Amino acid sequence: MVYLNYSNLDNETQERLVSVSKKDVEQKFGNDLKRYAKEHHLKYETLLEEEALRNLYSYDYVFNI
C-alpha cells in the first residue's frame, strides 16, 4: 500500500511514485524487459518508463485527508 497525504499531490510526489514504480518493475521484470527491448529494437529506458506508469495502477493507495 502507498500512503499519500491528499493535500500533497504535487509534481515531486508524482515523480517519487514513478521512481518507486520503476525500481519495482526493474527488480521484477528487468531482464525480460531488456530482452524484449533488444529483440524489438526499442529503447530500454522508454519501455521501463511505460511499464512503470502501467505498474502504478496495481498499487493500493491510502489517502490521508
Protein backbone atom coordinates (compact mmCIF):
# COMPACT_ATOMS: atom_id res chain seq x y z
CA MET A 1 0.00 0.00 0.00
CA VAL A 2 1.07 3.52 -0.73
CA TYR A 3 0.15 6.16 1.83
CA LEU A 4 -0.30 9.68 0.49
CA ASN A 5 -1.27 12.96 2.01
CA TYR A 6 -4.21 14.24 -0.04
CA SER A 7 -3.02 17.84 0.19
CA ASN A 8 0.45 16.95 -1.15
CA LEU A 9 -0.04 15.51 -4.64
CA ASP A 10 2.42 17.86 -6.31
CA ASN A 11 4.79 17.05 -9.15
CA GLU A 12 7.57 15.99 -6.77
CA THR A 13 5.33 13.38 -5.14
CA GLN A 14 4.24 12.07 -8.52
CA GLU A 15 7.85 11.77 -9.68
CA ARG A 16 8.72 9.91 -6.47
CA LEU A 17 5.90 7.43 -7.11
CA VAL A 18 7.09 6.83 -10.67
CA SER A 19 10.65 6.34 -9.40
CA VAL A 20 9.50 3.76 -6.85
CA SER A 21 7.45 2.03 -9.53
CA LYS A 22 10.44 1.98 -11.91
CA LYS A 23 12.59 0.28 -9.28
CA ASP A 24 9.83 -2.22 -8.60
CA VAL A 25 9.37 -3.07 -12.28
CA GLU A 26 13.11 -3.26 -12.90
CA GLN A 27 13.55 -5.61 -9.97
CA LYS A 28 10.71 -7.89 -11.06
CA PHE A 29 10.99 -7.78 -14.86
CA GLY A 30 14.30 -6.09 -15.69
CA ASN A 31 15.88 -8.98 -17.58
CA ASP A 32 12.70 -9.73 -19.52
CA LEU A 33 12.29 -6.07 -20.46
CA LYS A 34 15.91 -5.81 -21.62
CA ARG A 35 15.49 -8.91 -23.75
CA TYR A 36 12.22 -7.63 -25.22
CA ALA A 37 13.73 -4.21 -25.96
CA LYS A 38 16.70 -5.79 -27.70
CA GLU A 39 14.54 -8.16 -29.78
CA HIS A 40 12.19 -5.39 -30.90
CA HIS A 41 14.83 -2.64 -31.28
CA LEU A 42 13.30 -0.44 -28.57
CA LYS A 43 14.94 1.82 -26.03
CA TYR A 44 15.04 0.08 -22.67
CA GLU A 45 14.52 3.31 -20.68
CA THR A 46 11.39 4.18 -22.66
CA LEU A 47 9.99 0.70 -22.19
CA LEU A 48 10.80 0.80 -18.48
CA GLU A 49 9.07 4.19 -18.11
CA GLU A 50 5.92 2.90 -19.83
CA GLU A 51 5.82 -0.22 -17.69
CA ALA A 52 6.41 1.81 -14.52
CA LEU A 53 3.44 4.04 -15.34
CA ARG A 54 1.31 0.98 -16.05
CA ASN A 55 2.50 -0.57 -12.78
CA LEU A 56 1.19 2.42 -10.79
CA TYR A 57 -2.34 1.12 -11.39
CA SER A 58 -1.55 -2.07 -9.48
CA TYR A 59 -0.80 -0.24 -6.23
CA ASP A 60 -3.32 0.26 -3.46
CA TYR A 61 -3.40 3.86 -2.32
CA VAL A 62 -4.48 5.23 1.05
CA PHE A 63 -5.14 8.96 1.16
CA ASN A 64 -4.86 10.85 4.43
CA ILE A 65 -7.13 13.86 4.43
